[in-house]
Protein backbone atom coordinates (compact mmCIF):
# COMPACT_ATOMS: atom_id res chain seq x y z
CA UNK A 1 -9.12 -9.68 5.32
CA UNK A 2 -8.17 -12.83 7.59
CA UNK A 3 -6.68 -12.74 10.55
CA UNK A 4 -3.09 -14.07 9.28
CA UNK A 5 -2.53 -11.05 7.10
CA UNK A 6 -4.05 -8.74 9.82
CA UNK A 7 -1.25 -10.61 12.18
CA UNK A 8 1.17 -10.01 9.76
CA UNK A 9 -0.07 -6.19 9.62
CA UNK A 10 0.45 -5.69 13.34
CA UNK A 11 3.75 -7.18 13.37
CA UNK A 12 5.12 -4.99 10.37
CA UNK A 13 3.83 -1.76 12.47
CA UNK A 14 5.76 -3.36 15.50
CA UNK A 15 8.69 -3.63 13.57
CA UNK A 16 8.70 0.06 12.53
CA UNK A 17 6.86 1.34 15.89
CA UNK A 18 3.96 2.90 14.35
CA UNK A 19 0.14 2.51 15.02
CA UNK A 20 -1.89 -0.31 13.06
CA UNK A 21 -4.73 1.72 11.12
CA UNK A 22 -7.15 -0.69 9.19
CA UNK A 23 -7.60 -1.02 5.43
CA UNK A 24 -10.66 -2.98 5.17
CA UNK A 25 -11.70 -5.34 2.31
CA UNK A 26 -14.78 -2.82 1.34
CA UNK A 27 -12.34 0.02 0.85
CA UNK A 28 -10.12 1.12 -2.32
CA UNK A 29 -6.22 1.43 -2.99
CA UNK A 30 -5.18 3.43 -6.06
CA UNK A 31 -2.73 1.07 -7.94
CA UNK A 32 -1.06 0.76 -11.14
CA UNK A 33 -1.78 -1.35 -13.87
CA UNK A 34 1.95 -2.33 -14.41
CA UNK A 35 1.65 -4.32 -10.62
CA UNK A 36 -0.20 -7.35 -12.18
CA UNK A 37 3.07 -7.39 -15.13
CA UNK A 38 5.43 -7.95 -12.15
CA UNK A 39 7.49 -4.75 -12.54
CA UNK A 40 9.52 -4.18 -9.75
CA UNK A 41 10.35 -2.89 -7.09
CA UNK A 42 6.73 -2.45 -5.73
CA UNK A 43 6.19 1.19 -3.99
CA UNK A 44 3.33 2.21 -1.77
CA UNK A 45 2.46 5.48 -0.21
CA UNK A 46 -0.54 6.46 2.21
CA UNK A 47 -2.19 9.44 2.09
CA UNK A 48 -5.07 10.16 5.19
CA UNK A 49 -8.05 8.07 4.50
CA UNK A 50 -10.82 9.66 2.72
CA UNK A 51 -14.25 8.75 1.64
CA UNK A 52 -13.84 4.86 0.33
CA UNK A 53 -10.32 5.07 0.10
CA UNK A 54 -7.72 3.63 2.15
CA UNK A 55 -5.08 6.29 1.34
CA UNK A 56 -2.70 3.57 -0.51
CA UNK A 57 -1.62 4.07 -3.66
CA UNK A 58 0.27 1.32 -4.82
CA UNK A 59 2.91 1.22 -8.40
CA UNK A 60 5.55 -0.68 -9.55
CA UNK A 61 8.92 0.58 -11.58
CA UNK A 62 10.85 3.71 -9.98
CA UNK A 63 8.80 6.24 -11.55
CA UNK A 64 4.66 7.26 -11.46
CA UNK A 65 3.78 8.54 -14.61
CA UNK A 66 1.62 11.55 -15.26
CA UNK A 67 -0.93 9.62 -17.18
CA UNK A 68 -4.08 10.18 -15.95
CA UNK A 69 -4.86 6.59 -15.97
CA UNK A 70 -2.19 5.41 -14.02
CA UNK A 71 -3.65 4.53 -11.19
CA UNK A 72 -7.06 2.68 -11.09
CA UNK A 73 -9.55 2.06 -7.85
CA UNK A 74 -9.16 -1.56 -6.74
CA UNK A 75 -10.91 -2.69 -3.35
CA UNK A 76 -8.61 -3.96 -0.88
CA UNK A 77 -9.82 -7.31 -1.05
CA UNK A 78 -8.92 -7.97 -4.80
CA UNK A 79 -5.13 -7.39 -3.88
CA UNK A 80 -4.68 -10.65 -3.46
CA UNK A 81 -5.08 -11.62 -6.69
CA UNK A 82 -3.42 -8.23 -8.03
CA UNK A 83 -0.26 -8.13 -5.47
CA UNK A 84 -0.73 -10.43 -2.36
CA UNK A 85 3.07 -9.57 -1.38
CA UNK A 86 1.71 -5.83 0.16
CA UNK A 87 -1.11 -7.18 2.30
CA UNK A 88 1.33 -7.26 5.13
CA UNK A 89 1.99 -3.28 4.51
CA UNK A 90 -1.67 -2.14 4.66
CA UNK A 91 -1.39 -1.42 8.09
CA UNK A 92 0.85 1.30 8.21
CA UNK A 93 -0.89 4.27 9.01
CA UNK A 94 -1.00 7.48 6.66
CA UNK A 95 2.16 9.15 6.08
CA UNK A 96 4.32 6.01 5.67
CA UNK A 97 5.73 4.27 2.63
CA UNK A 98 6.93 1.15 1.43
CA UNK A 99 9.57 -0.25 -1.15
CA UNK A 100 9.89 -3.95 -1.91
CA UNK A 101 11.75 -5.96 -4.29
CA UNK A 102 13.43 -9.34 -4.24
CA UNK A 103 14.87 -10.05 -1.05
CA UNK A 104 14.49 -5.82 -0.11
CA UNK A 105 12.26 -3.83 2.14
CA UNK A 106 11.95 -0.63 2.88
CA UNK A 107 9.56 1.42 5.17
CA UNK A 108 9.54 5.16 5.97
CA UNK A 109 7.38 7.83 7.15
CA UNK A 110 7.21 10.34 4.86
CA UNK A 111 5.01 13.47 6.45
CA UNK A 112 4.71 15.44 3.33
CA UNK A 113 1.33 12.76 2.58
CA UNK A 114 -0.40 14.23 5.68
CA UNK A 115 -0.56 17.96 3.98
CA UNK A 116 -3.65 18.82 2.27
């Protein structure tokens, strides 16, 4: 990830008073296919890091469907093509959530994401 995006992540973490935790380009997120269609709002939640995954799940719209293929794995370095507006949030630590839309941003902590 380029230094400009990493700096935006650090600023985001400072803004919300949380520790920056890297999401390396070589690791994966779970992402819904509807993100490429521009479905709003864009939501993200970060579970603990596990194996080769960052813990991030990102989707468009209000709800997560029960469809087993709702989330597909995607390397962080491909998010620039899929949904570049989420890159500045990827440094938020496990237990973080965000929702963004046109002129709207909400970031909060959801401790339930940390329970196994």
